[in-house]
All heavy atoms as atom14 arrays in JSON, in Angstrom:
{
  "sequence": "SFYNMAWYRQAPGKRHERVADITRDGTTSYAVSVKGRFTISRDNDKN",
  "atom14_mask": [
    [1, 1, 1, 1, 1, 1, 0, 0, 0, 0, 0, 0, 0, 0],
    [1, 1, 1, 1, 1, 1, 1, 1, 1, 1, 1, 0, 0, 0],
    [1, 1, 1, 1, 1, 1, 1, 1, 1, 1, 1, 1, 0, 0],
    [1, 1, 1, 1, 1, 1, 1, 1, 0, 0, 0, 0, 0, 0],
    [1, 1, 1, 1, 1, 1, 1, 1, 0, 0, 0, 0, 0, 0],
    [1, 1, 1, 1, 1, 0, 0, 0, 0, 0, 0, 0, 0, 0],
    [1, 1, 1, 1, 1, 1, 1, 1, 1, 1, 1, 1, 1, 1],
    [1, 1, 1, 1, 1, 1, 1, 1, 1, 1, 1, 1, 0, 0],
    [1, 1, 1, 1, 1, 1, 1, 1, 1, 1, 1, 0, 0, 0],
    [1, 1, 1, 1, 1, 1, 1, 1, 1, 0, 0, 0, 0, 0],
    [1, 1, 1, 1, 1, 0, 0, 0, 0, 0, 0, 0, 0, 0],
    [1, 1, 1, 1, 1, 1, 1, 0, 0, 0, 0, 0, 0, 0],
    [1, 1, 1, 1, 0, 0, 0, 0, 0, 0, 0, 0, 0, 0],
    [1, 1, 1, 1, 1, 1, 1, 1, 1, 0, 0, 0, 0, 0],
    [1, 1, 1, 1, 1, 1, 1, 1, 1, 1, 1, 0, 0, 0],
    [1, 1, 1, 1, 1, 1, 1, 1, 1, 1, 0, 0, 0, 0],
    [1, 1, 1, 1, 1, 1, 1, 1, 1, 0, 0, 0, 0, 0],
    [1, 1, 1, 1, 1, 1, 1, 1, 1, 1, 1, 0, 0, 0],
    [1, 1, 1, 1, 1, 1, 1, 0, 0, 0, 0, 0, 0, 0],
    [1, 1, 1, 1, 1, 0, 0, 0, 0, 0, 0, 0, 0, 0],
    [1, 1, 1, 1, 1, 1, 1, 1, 0, 0, 0, 0, 0, 0],
    [1, 1, 1, 1, 1, 1, 1, 1, 0, 0, 0, 0, 0, 0],
    [1, 1, 1, 1, 1, 1, 1, 0, 0, 0, 0, 0, 0, 0],
    [1, 1, 1, 1, 1, 1, 1, 1, 1, 1, 1, 0, 0, 0],
    [1, 1, 1, 1, 1, 1, 1, 1, 0, 0, 0, 0, 0, 0],
    [1, 1, 1, 1, 0, 0, 0, 0, 0, 0, 0, 0, 0, 0],
    [1, 1, 1, 1, 1, 1, 1, 0, 0, 0, 0, 0, 0, 0],
    [1, 1, 1, 1, 1, 1, 1, 0, 0, 0, 0, 0, 0, 0],
    [1, 1, 1, 1, 1, 1, 0, 0, 0, 0, 0, 0, 0, 0],
    [1, 1, 1, 1, 1, 1, 1, 1, 1, 1, 1, 1, 0, 0],
    [1, 1, 1, 1, 1, 0, 0, 0, 0, 0, 0, 0, 0, 0],
    [1, 1, 1, 1, 1, 1, 1, 0, 0, 0, 0, 0, 0, 0],
    [1, 1, 1, 1, 1, 1, 0, 0, 0, 0, 0, 0, 0, 0],
    [1, 1, 1, 1, 1, 1, 1, 0, 0, 0, 0, 0, 0, 0],
    [1, 1, 1, 1, 1, 1, 1, 1, 1, 0, 0, 0, 0, 0],
    [1, 1, 1, 1, 0, 0, 0, 0, 0, 0, 0, 0, 0, 0],
    [1, 1, 1, 1, 1, 1, 1, 1, 1, 1, 1, 0, 0, 0],
    [1, 1, 1, 1, 1, 1, 1, 1, 1, 1, 1, 0, 0, 0],
    [1, 1, 1, 1, 1, 1, 1, 0, 0, 0, 0, 0, 0, 0],
    [1, 1, 1, 1, 1, 1, 1, 1, 0, 0, 0, 0, 0, 0],
    [1, 1, 1, 1, 1, 1, 0, 0, 0, 0, 0, 0, 0, 0],
    [1, 1, 1, 1, 1, 1, 1, 1, 1, 1, 1, 0, 0, 0],
    [1, 1, 1, 1, 1, 1, 1, 1, 0, 0, 0, 0, 0, 0],
    [1, 1, 1, 1, 1, 1, 1, 1, 0, 0, 0, 0, 0, 0],
    [1, 1, 1, 1, 1, 1, 1, 1, 0, 0, 0, 0, 0, 0],
    [1, 1, 1, 1, 1, 1, 1, 1, 1, 0, 0, 0, 0, 0],
    [1, 1, 1, 1, 1, 1, 1, 1, 0, 0, 0, 0, 0, 0]
  ],
  "atom14_positions": [
    [[81.91, 12.15, 75.2], [82.12, 13.13, 76.27], [80.95, 13.18, 77.24], [81.1, 13.71, 78.36], [82.42, 14.5, 75.69], [81.31, 14.97, 74.96], [0.0, 0.0, 0.0], [0.0, 0.0, 0.0], [0.0, 0.0, 0.0], [0.0, 0.0, 0.0], [0.0, 0.0, 0.0], [0.0, 0.0, 0.0], [0.0, 0.0, 0.0], [0.0, 0.0, 0.0]],
    [[79.82, 12.66, 76.84], [78.63, 12.67, 77.69], [78.5, 11.42, 78.57], [77.61, 11.32, 79.39], [77.36, 12.85, 76.85], [77.29, 14.18, 76.17], [77.61, 14.27, 74.83], [76.89, 15.31, 76.82], [77.57, 15.5, 74.16], [76.82, 16.54, 76.19], [77.16, 16.63, 74.85], [0.0, 0.0, 0.0], [0.0, 0.0, 0.0], [0.0, 0.0, 0.0]],
    [[79.36, 10.43, 78.33], [79.22, 9.16, 79.01], [80.05, 9.12, 80.28], [81.21, 9.54, 80.3], [79.69, 8.01, 78.11], [78.9, 7.82, 76.84], [79.49, 7.29, 75.72], [77.54, 8.15, 76.76], [78.79, 7.1, 74.53], [76.83, 7.97, 75.6], [77.46, 7.44, 74.49], [76.76, 7.26, 73.31], [0.0, 0.0, 0.0], [0.0, 0.0, 0.0]],
    [[79.47, 8.56, 81.34], [80.26, 8.11, 82.46], [80.9, 6.76, 82.08], [80.24, 5.93, 81.43], [79.4, 7.9, 83.7], [78.74, 9.2, 84.12], [79.3, 10.29, 84.01], [77.5, 9.11, 84.6], [0.0, 0.0, 0.0], [0.0, 0.0, 0.0], [0.0, 0.0, 0.0], [0.0, 0.0, 0.0], [0.0, 0.0, 0.0], [0.0, 0.0, 0.0]],
    [[82.14, 6.55, 82.45], [82.86, 5.34, 82.05], [83.37, 4.61, 83.28], [83.64, 5.22, 84.32], [84.04, 5.7, 81.16], [83.7, 6.45, 79.88], [82.72, 5.44, 78.74], [83.79, 4.01, 78.47], [0.0, 0.0, 0.0], [0.0, 0.0, 0.0], [0.0, 0.0, 0.0], [0.0, 0.0, 0.0], [0.0, 0.0, 0.0], [0.0, 0.0, 0.0]],
    [[83.55, 3.31, 83.12], [84.04, 2.51, 84.24], [84.93, 1.38, 83.74], [84.82, 0.95, 82.59], [82.9, 1.93, 85.06], [0.0, 0.0, 0.0], [0.0, 0.0, 0.0], [0.0, 0.0, 0.0], [0.0, 0.0, 0.0], [0.0, 0.0, 0.0], [0.0, 0.0, 0.0], [0.0, 0.0, 0.0], [0.0, 0.0, 0.0], [0.0, 0.0, 0.0]],
    [[85.81, 0.93, 84.61], [86.59, -0.28, 84.39], [86.16, -1.32, 85.45], [86.01, -0.98, 86.62], [88.08, -0.02, 84.56], [88.73, 0.69, 83.41], [88.96, 2.03, 83.31], [89.2, 0.1, 82.21], [89.57, 2.32, 82.12], [89.72, 1.15, 81.41], [89.25, -1.2, 81.72], [90.29, 0.94, 80.15], [89.82, -1.42, 80.46], [90.32, -0.37, 79.71]],
    [[85.95, -2.53, 84.96], [85.64, -3.67, 85.81], [86.7, -4.74, 85.56], [87.43, -4.69, 84.56], [84.26, -4.24, 85.48], [83.1, -3.46, 86.01], [82.72, -2.25, 85.44], [82.37, -3.92, 87.1], [81.63, -1.53, 85.92], [81.28, -3.23, 87.59], [80.92, -2.04, 87.0], [79.86, -1.33, 87.49], [0.0, 0.0, 0.0], [0.0, 0.0, 0.0]],
    [[86.73, -5.7, 86.45], [87.59, -6.86, 86.22], [86.92, -8.11, 86.77], [86.09, -8.05, 87.66], [88.97, -6.68, 86.87], [88.97, -6.65, 88.39], [90.35, -6.3, 88.92], [90.41, -6.27, 90.38], [91.47, -5.86, 91.07], [92.58, -5.47, 90.44], [91.43, -5.86, 92.38], [0.0, 0.0, 0.0], [0.0, 0.0, 0.0], [0.0, 0.0, 0.0]],
    [[87.33, -9.24, 86.2], [86.84, -10.52, 86.69], [87.97, -11.53, 86.68], [88.55, -11.8, 85.6], [85.68, -11.03, 85.84], [85.04, -12.29, 86.45], [83.67, -12.59, 85.87], [83.36, -12.2, 84.75], [82.84, -13.27, 86.65], [0.0, 0.0, 0.0], [0.0, 0.0, 0.0], [0.0, 0.0, 0.0], [0.0, 0.0, 0.0], [0.0, 0.0, 0.0]],
    [[88.27, -12.04, 87.84], [89.29, -13.08, 87.99], [88.63, -14.43, 87.97], [87.44, -14.55, 88.3], [90.07, -12.86, 89.29], [0.0, 0.0, 0.0], [0.0, 0.0, 0.0], [0.0, 0.0, 0.0], [0.0, 0.0, 0.0], [0.0, 0.0, 0.0], [0.0, 0.0, 0.0], [0.0, 0.0, 0.0], [0.0, 0.0, 0.0], [0.0, 0.0, 0.0]],
    [[89.34, -15.48, 87.61], [88.75, -16.82, 87.6], [88.13, -17.17, 88.95], [88.78, -17.03, 89.99], [89.94, -17.72, 87.27], [90.88, -16.84, 86.54], [90.74, -15.48, 87.17], [0.0, 0.0, 0.0], [0.0, 0.0, 0.0], [0.0, 0.0, 0.0], [0.0, 0.0, 0.0], [0.0, 0.0, 0.0], [0.0, 0.0, 0.0], [0.0, 0.0, 0.0]],
    [[86.9, -17.62, 88.93], [86.23, -18.04, 90.14], [85.77, -16.91, 91.04], [85.26, -17.17, 92.15], [0.0, 0.0, 0.0], [0.0, 0.0, 0.0], [0.0, 0.0, 0.0], [0.0, 0.0, 0.0], [0.0, 0.0, 0.0], [0.0, 0.0, 0.0], [0.0, 0.0, 0.0], [0.0, 0.0, 0.0], [0.0, 0.0, 0.0], [0.0, 0.0, 0.0]],
    [[85.91, -15.68, 90.6], [85.5, -14.54, 91.4], [84.42, -13.72, 90.69], [84.24, -13.86, 89.49], [86.71, -13.64, 91.7], [87.76, -14.3, 92.59], [88.85, -13.32, 92.98], [89.89, -13.97, 93.87], [90.95, -12.98, 94.27], [0.0, 0.0, 0.0], [0.0, 0.0, 0.0], [0.0, 0.0, 0.0], [0.0, 0.0, 0.0], [0.0, 0.0, 0.0]],
    [[83.73, -12.91, 91.48], [82.68, -12.07, 90.93], [83.26, -10.89, 90.17], [84.41, -10.47, 90.43], [81.76, -11.59, 92.04], [81.08, -12.72, 92.8], [80.17, -12.17, 93.88], [79.03, -11.47, 93.35], [78.06, -10.96, 94.1], [78.11, -11.07, 95.41], [77.05, -10.34, 93.54], [0.0, 0.0, 0.0], [0.0, 0.0, 0.0], [0.0, 0.0, 0.0]],
    [[82.46, -10.34, 89.3], [82.79, -9.1, 88.63], [83.03, -8.03, 89.69], [82.24, -7.89, 90.59], [81.62, -8.68, 87.74], [81.99, -8.47, 86.32], [81.06, -8.06, 85.38], [83.14, -8.55, 85.65], [81.64, -7.93, 84.2], [82.91, -8.23, 84.34], [0.0, 0.0, 0.0], [0.0, 0.0, 0.0], [0.0, 0.0, 0.0], [0.0, 0.0, 0.0]],
    [[84.09, -7.25, 89.5], [84.43, -6.21, 90.49], [84.63, -4.89, 89.78], [85.39, -4.82, 88.8], [85.73, -6.58, 91.24], [86.22, -5.52, 92.19], [87.6, -5.82, 92.77], [88.34, -6.61, 92.16], [87.92, -5.26, 93.82], [0.0, 0.0, 0.0], [0.0, 0.0, 0.0], [0.0, 0.0, 0.0], [0.0, 0.0, 0.0], [0.0, 0.0, 0.0]],
    [[83.94, -3.85, 90.27], [84.21, -2.53, 89.71], [85.55, -2.02, 90.22], [85.8, -2.03, 91.41], [83.11, -1.54, 90.13], [83.29, -0.14, 89.53], [82.33, 0.86, 90.15], [82.67, 1.06, 91.55], [83.6, 1.9, 92.0], [84.36, 2.56, 91.15], [83.82, 2.05, 93.3], [0.0, 0.0, 0.0], [0.0, 0.0, 0.0], [0.0, 0.0, 0.0]],
    [[86.4, -1.58, 89.32], [87.73, -1.15, 89.67], [87.78, 0.37, 89.84], [88.31, 0.88, 90.84], [88.75, -1.58, 88.6], [90.12, -1.04, 88.88], [88.78, -3.11, 88.48], [0.0, 0.0, 0.0], [0.0, 0.0, 0.0], [0.0, 0.0, 0.0], [0.0, 0.0, 0.0], [0.0, 0.0, 0.0], [0.0, 0.0, 0.0], [0.0, 0.0, 0.0]],
    [[87.24, 1.07, 88.87], [87.3, 2.55, 88.88], [86.26, 3.08, 87.95], [85.87, 2.41, 86.99], [88.69, 3.04, 88.49], [0.0, 0.0, 0.0], [0.0, 0.0, 0.0], [0.0, 0.0, 0.0], [0.0, 0.0, 0.0], [0.0, 0.0, 0.0], [0.0, 0.0, 0.0], [0.0, 0.0, 0.0], [0.0, 0.0, 0.0], [0.0, 0.0, 0.0]],
    [[85.81, 4.31, 88.2], [84.94, 4.97, 87.24], [85.25, 6.45, 87.18], [85.88, 7.02, 88.06], [83.47, 4.69, 87.53], [83.06, 5.07, 88.94], [83.14, 6.27, 89.28], [82.68, 4.16, 89.71], [0.0, 0.0, 0.0], [0.0, 0.0, 0.0], [0.0, 0.0, 0.0], [0.0, 0.0, 0.0], [0.0, 0.0, 0.0], [0.0, 0.0, 0.0]],
    [[84.81, 7.04, 86.08], [85.05, 8.47, 85.85], [83.78, 9.05, 85.2], [83.26, 8.51, 84.24], [86.29, 8.72, 84.98], [86.58, 10.2, 84.83], [86.18, 8.02, 83.62], [87.98, 10.5, 84.26], [0.0, 0.0, 0.0], [0.0, 0.0, 0.0], [0.0, 0.0, 0.0], [0.0, 0.0, 0.0], [0.0, 0.0, 0.0], [0.0, 0.0, 0.0]],
    [[83.29, 10.13, 85.79], [82.07, 10.72, 85.25], [82.42, 11.6, 84.05], [83.59, 11.83, 83.73], [81.39, 11.61, 86.32], [82.26, 12.72, 86.63], [81.11, 10.79, 87.6], [0.0, 0.0, 0.0], [0.0, 0.0, 0.0], [0.0, 0.0, 0.0], [0.0, 0.0, 0.0], [0.0, 0.0, 0.0], [0.0, 0.0, 0.0], [0.0, 0.0, 0.0]],
    [[81.39, 12.09, 83.41], [81.61, 12.91, 82.21], [82.31, 14.22, 82.56], [82.93, 14.82, 81.68], [80.33, 13.14, 81.46], [79.25, 13.85, 82.25], [77.99, 13.89, 81.43], [76.94, 14.67, 82.07], [75.71, 14.86, 81.55], [75.42, 14.3, 80.39], [74.84, 15.57, 82.18], [0.0, 0.0, 0.0], [0.0, 0.0, 0.0], [0.0, 0.0, 0.0]],
    [[82.2, 14.65, 83.83], [82.89, 15.89, 84.21], [84.25, 15.61, 84.85], [84.91, 16.51, 85.34], [82.03, 16.74, 85.13], [81.76, 16.08, 86.46], [82.22, 14.93, 86.68], [81.08, 16.71, 87.31], [0.0, 0.0, 0.0], [0.0, 0.0, 0.0], [0.0, 0.0, 0.0], [0.0, 0.0, 0.0], [0.0, 0.0, 0.0], [0.0, 0.0, 0.0]],
    [[84.69, 14.34, 84.84], [86.02, 13.99, 85.3], [86.16, 13.58, 86.73], [87.28, 13.3, 87.21], [0.0, 0.0, 0.0], [0.0, 0.0, 0.0], [0.0, 0.0, 0.0], [0.0, 0.0, 0.0], [0.0, 0.0, 0.0], [0.0, 0.0, 0.0], [0.0, 0.0, 0.0], [0.0, 0.0, 0.0], [0.0, 0.0, 0.0], [0.0, 0.0, 0.0]],
    [[85.05, 13.43, 87.46], [85.12, 12.96, 88.84], [85.43, 11.46, 88.85], [84.79, 10.69, 88.13], [83.81, 13.22, 89.57], [83.53, 14.65, 89.52], [83.88, 12.77, 91.0], [0.0, 0.0, 0.0], [0.0, 0.0, 0.0], [0.0, 0.0, 0.0], [0.0, 0.0, 0.0], [0.0, 0.0, 0.0], [0.0, 0.0, 0.0], [0.0, 0.0, 0.0]],
    [[86.35, 11.07, 89.68], [86.8, 9.68, 89.71], [86.51, 9.0, 91.04], [86.38, 9.68, 92.09], [88.3, 9.56, 89.44], [89.0, 10.3, 90.45], [88.65, 10.13, 88.08], [0.0, 0.0, 0.0], [0.0, 0.0, 0.0], [0.0, 0.0, 0.0], [0.0, 0.0, 0.0], [0.0, 0.0, 0.0], [0.0, 0.0, 0.0], [0.0, 0.0, 0.0]],
    [[86.37, 7.7, 91.01], [86.27, 6.92, 92.25], [86.89, 5.55, 92.0], [86.98, 5.11, 90.84], [84.82, 6.77, 92.7], [84.06, 6.04, 91.77], [0.0, 0.0, 0.0], [0.0, 0.0, 0.0], [0.0, 0.0, 0.0], [0.0, 0.0, 0.0], [0.0, 0.0, 0.0], [0.0, 0.0, 0.0], [0.0, 0.0, 0.0], [0.0, 0.0, 0.0]],
    [[87.34, 4.9, 93.09], [88.11, 3.67, 92.98], [87.68, 2.65, 94.0], [87.22, 3.0, 95.11], [89.61, 3.97, 93.2], [90.2, 4.92, 92.2], [90.19, 6.3, 92.42], [90.75, 4.44, 91.02], [90.7, 7.17, 91.49], [91.26, 5.31, 90.08], [91.25, 6.68, 90.32], [91.78, 7.54, 89.4], [0.0, 0.0, 0.0], [0.0, 0.0, 0.0]],
    [[87.86, 1.37, 93.65], [87.69, 0.33, 94.63], [88.81, 0.46, 95.67], [89.92, 0.89, 95.35], [87.78, -1.04, 93.95], [0.0, 0.0, 0.0], [0.0, 0.0, 0.0], [0.0, 0.0, 0.0], [0.0, 0.0, 0.0], [0.0, 0.0, 0.0], [0.0, 0.0, 0.0], [0.0, 0.0, 0.0], [0.0, 0.0, 0.0], [0.0, 0.0, 0.0]],
    [[88.5, 0.06, 96.88], [89.48, 0.15, 97.96], [90.75, -0.63, 97.62], [91.88, -0.22, 97.91], [88.86, -0.35, 99.29], [89.93, -0.48, 100.36], [87.76, 0.57, 99.74], [0.0, 0.0, 0.0], [0.0, 0.0, 0.0], [0.0, 0.0, 0.0], [0.0, 0.0, 0.0], [0.0, 0.0, 0.0], [0.0, 0.0, 0.0], [0.0, 0.0, 0.0]],
    [[90.57, -1.75, 96.93], [91.7, -2.63, 96.63], [92.71, -2.03, 95.67], [93.86, -2.51, 95.6], [91.19, -3.96, 96.07], [90.41, -3.72, 94.9], [0.0, 0.0, 0.0], [0.0, 0.0, 0.0], [0.0, 0.0, 0.0], [0.0, 0.0, 0.0], [0.0, 0.0, 0.0], [0.0, 0.0, 0.0], [0.0, 0.0, 0.0], [0.0, 0.0, 0.0]],
    [[92.33, -0.98, 94.93], [93.23, -0.39, 93.95], [93.55, 1.07, 94.22], [94.42, 1.64, 93.54], [92.68, -0.54, 92.51], [92.34, -2.0, 92.23], [91.5, 0.38, 92.26], [0.0, 0.0, 0.0], [0.0, 0.0, 0.0], [0.0, 0.0, 0.0], [0.0, 0.0, 0.0], [0.0, 0.0, 0.0], [0.0, 0.0, 0.0], [0.0, 0.0, 0.0]],
    [[92.89, 1.66, 95.16], [93.08, 3.08, 95.43], [94.53, 3.38, 95.78], [95.15, 2.67, 96.59], [92.16, 3.53, 96.56], [91.94, 5.04, 96.64], [90.79, 5.4, 97.55], [90.5, 6.86, 97.5], [89.33, 7.22, 98.34], [0.0, 0.0, 0.0], [0.0, 0.0, 0.0], [0.0, 0.0, 0.0], [0.0, 0.0, 0.0], [0.0, 0.0, 0.0]],
    [[95.07, 4.42, 95.15], [96.45, 4.77, 95.36], [97.42, 4.1, 94.42], [98.58, 4.48, 94.3], [0.0, 0.0, 0.0], [0.0, 0.0, 0.0], [0.0, 0.0, 0.0], [0.0, 0.0, 0.0], [0.0, 0.0, 0.0], [0.0, 0.0, 0.0], [0.0, 0.0, 0.0], [0.0, 0.0, 0.0], [0.0, 0.0, 0.0], [0.0, 0.0, 0.0]],
    [[96.94, 3.08, 93.7], [97.81, 2.35, 92.73], [97.32, 2.52, 91.29], [98.14, 2.53, 90.37], [97.83, 0.84, 93.08], [98.34, 0.53, 94.47], [98.51, -0.98, 94.64], [97.24, -1.69, 94.53], [96.99, -2.68, 93.67], [97.92, -3.03, 92.8], [95.83, -3.29, 93.69], [0.0, 0.0, 0.0], [0.0, 0.0, 0.0], [0.0, 0.0, 0.0]],
    [[96.0, 2.64, 91.12], [95.43, 2.75, 89.77], [94.92, 4.18, 89.56], [94.44, 4.83, 90.52], [94.25, 1.8, 89.6], [94.61, 0.34, 89.51], [95.89, -0.11, 89.84], [93.65, -0.58, 89.12], [96.2, -1.45, 89.77], [93.95, -1.94, 89.05], [95.24, -2.36, 89.38], [0.0, 0.0, 0.0], [0.0, 0.0, 0.0], [0.0, 0.0, 0.0]],
    [[94.97, 4.63, 88.31], [94.44, 5.94, 87.96], [93.6, 5.82, 86.68], [94.1, 5.33, 85.67], [95.56, 6.96, 87.72], [96.37, 7.05, 88.91], [95.0, 8.32, 87.41], [0.0, 0.0, 0.0], [0.0, 0.0, 0.0], [0.0, 0.0, 0.0], [0.0, 0.0, 0.0], [0.0, 0.0, 0.0], [0.0, 0.0, 0.0], [0.0, 0.0, 0.0]],
    [[92.35, 6.29, 86.77], [91.49, 6.31, 85.59], [91.5, 7.73, 85.03], [91.53, 8.7, 85.78], [90.06, 5.85, 85.94], [89.21, 5.69, 84.69], [89.41, 6.79, 86.95], [87.85, 5.04, 84.93], [0.0, 0.0, 0.0], [0.0, 0.0, 0.0], [0.0, 0.0, 0.0], [0.0, 0.0, 0.0], [0.0, 0.0, 0.0], [0.0, 0.0, 0.0]],
    [[91.5, 7.82, 83.7], [91.47, 9.13, 83.05], [90.76, 9.0, 81.74], [90.47, 7.88, 81.26], [92.9, 9.68, 82.86], [93.65, 8.82, 82.02], [0.0, 0.0, 0.0], [0.0, 0.0, 0.0], [0.0, 0.0, 0.0], [0.0, 0.0, 0.0], [0.0, 0.0, 0.0], [0.0, 0.0, 0.0], [0.0, 0.0, 0.0], [0.0, 0.0, 0.0]],
    [[90.49, 10.12, 81.11], [89.78, 10.1, 79.82], [90.31, 11.21, 78.94], [90.77, 12.24, 79.4], [88.28, 10.22, 80.03], [87.82, 11.55, 80.59], [86.34, 11.48, 80.98], [85.48, 11.23, 79.81], [84.25, 10.7, 79.89], [83.76, 10.4, 81.08], [83.56, 10.53, 78.8], [0.0, 0.0, 0.0], [0.0, 0.0, 0.0], [0.0, 0.0, 0.0]],
    [[90.22, 10.95, 77.63], [90.55, 11.95, 76.61], [89.36, 12.05, 75.68], [89.15, 11.19, 74.83], [91.81, 11.53, 75.86], [92.31, 12.59, 74.87], [91.47, 13.42, 74.42], [93.51, 12.58, 74.56], [0.0, 0.0, 0.0], [0.0, 0.0, 0.0], [0.0, 0.0, 0.0], [0.0, 0.0, 0.0], [0.0, 0.0, 0.0], [0.0, 0.0, 0.0]],
    [[88.57, 13.09, 75.84], [87.34, 13.23, 75.07], [87.63, 13.5, 73.59], [86.78, 13.21, 72.74], [86.48, 14.34, 75.65], [85.88, 13.95, 76.98], [85.77, 12.77, 77.33], [85.5, 14.95, 77.79], [0.0, 0.0, 0.0], [0.0, 0.0, 0.0], [0.0, 0.0, 0.0], [0.0, 0.0, 0.0], [0.0, 0.0, 0.0], [0.0, 0.0, 0.0]],
    [[88.8, 14.03, 73.28], [89.15, 14.24, 71.86], [89.44, 12.94, 71.15], [89.28, 12.84, 69.94], [90.37, 15.17, 71.76], [90.04, 16.58, 72.19], [88.85, 16.99, 72.08], [90.96, 17.31, 72.64], [0.0, 0.0, 0.0], [0.0, 0.0, 0.0], [0.0, 0.0, 0.0], [0.0, 0.0, 0.0], [0.0, 0.0, 0.0], [0.0, 0.0, 0.0]],
    [[89.87, 11.92, 71.92], [90.2, 10.63, 71.33], [89.15, 9.57, 71.64], [89.3, 8.41, 71.27], [91.55, 10.15, 71.87], [92.71, 11.05, 71.43], [94.06, 10.5, 71.93], [95.2, 11.36, 71.45], [96.53, 10.87, 71.94], [0.0, 0.0, 0.0], [0.0, 0.0, 0.0], [0.0, 0.0, 0.0], [0.0, 0.0, 0.0], [0.0, 0.0, 0.0]],
    [[88.06, 9.96, 72.3], [86.99, 9.02, 72.65], [87.57, 7.8, 73.39], [87.19, 6.65, 73.11], [86.22, 8.55, 71.41], [85.34, 9.63, 70.83], [85.3, 10.75, 71.33], [84.65, 9.31, 69.74], [0.0, 0.0, 0.0], [0.0, 0.0, 0.0], [0.0, 0.0, 0.0], [0.0, 0.0, 0.0], [0.0, 0.0, 0.0], [0.0, 0.0, 0.0]]
  ]
}
């Protein structure tokens, strides 16, 4: 529950790309390429 978390992705031949992240208080941000299509969430009870 104290950790900020993020999702990244890497396609063949491409650089690592940050997709989305969520802070420990639930604030989210997204890469432009996925905004409106992807949703990051967390369940602190399930880690």
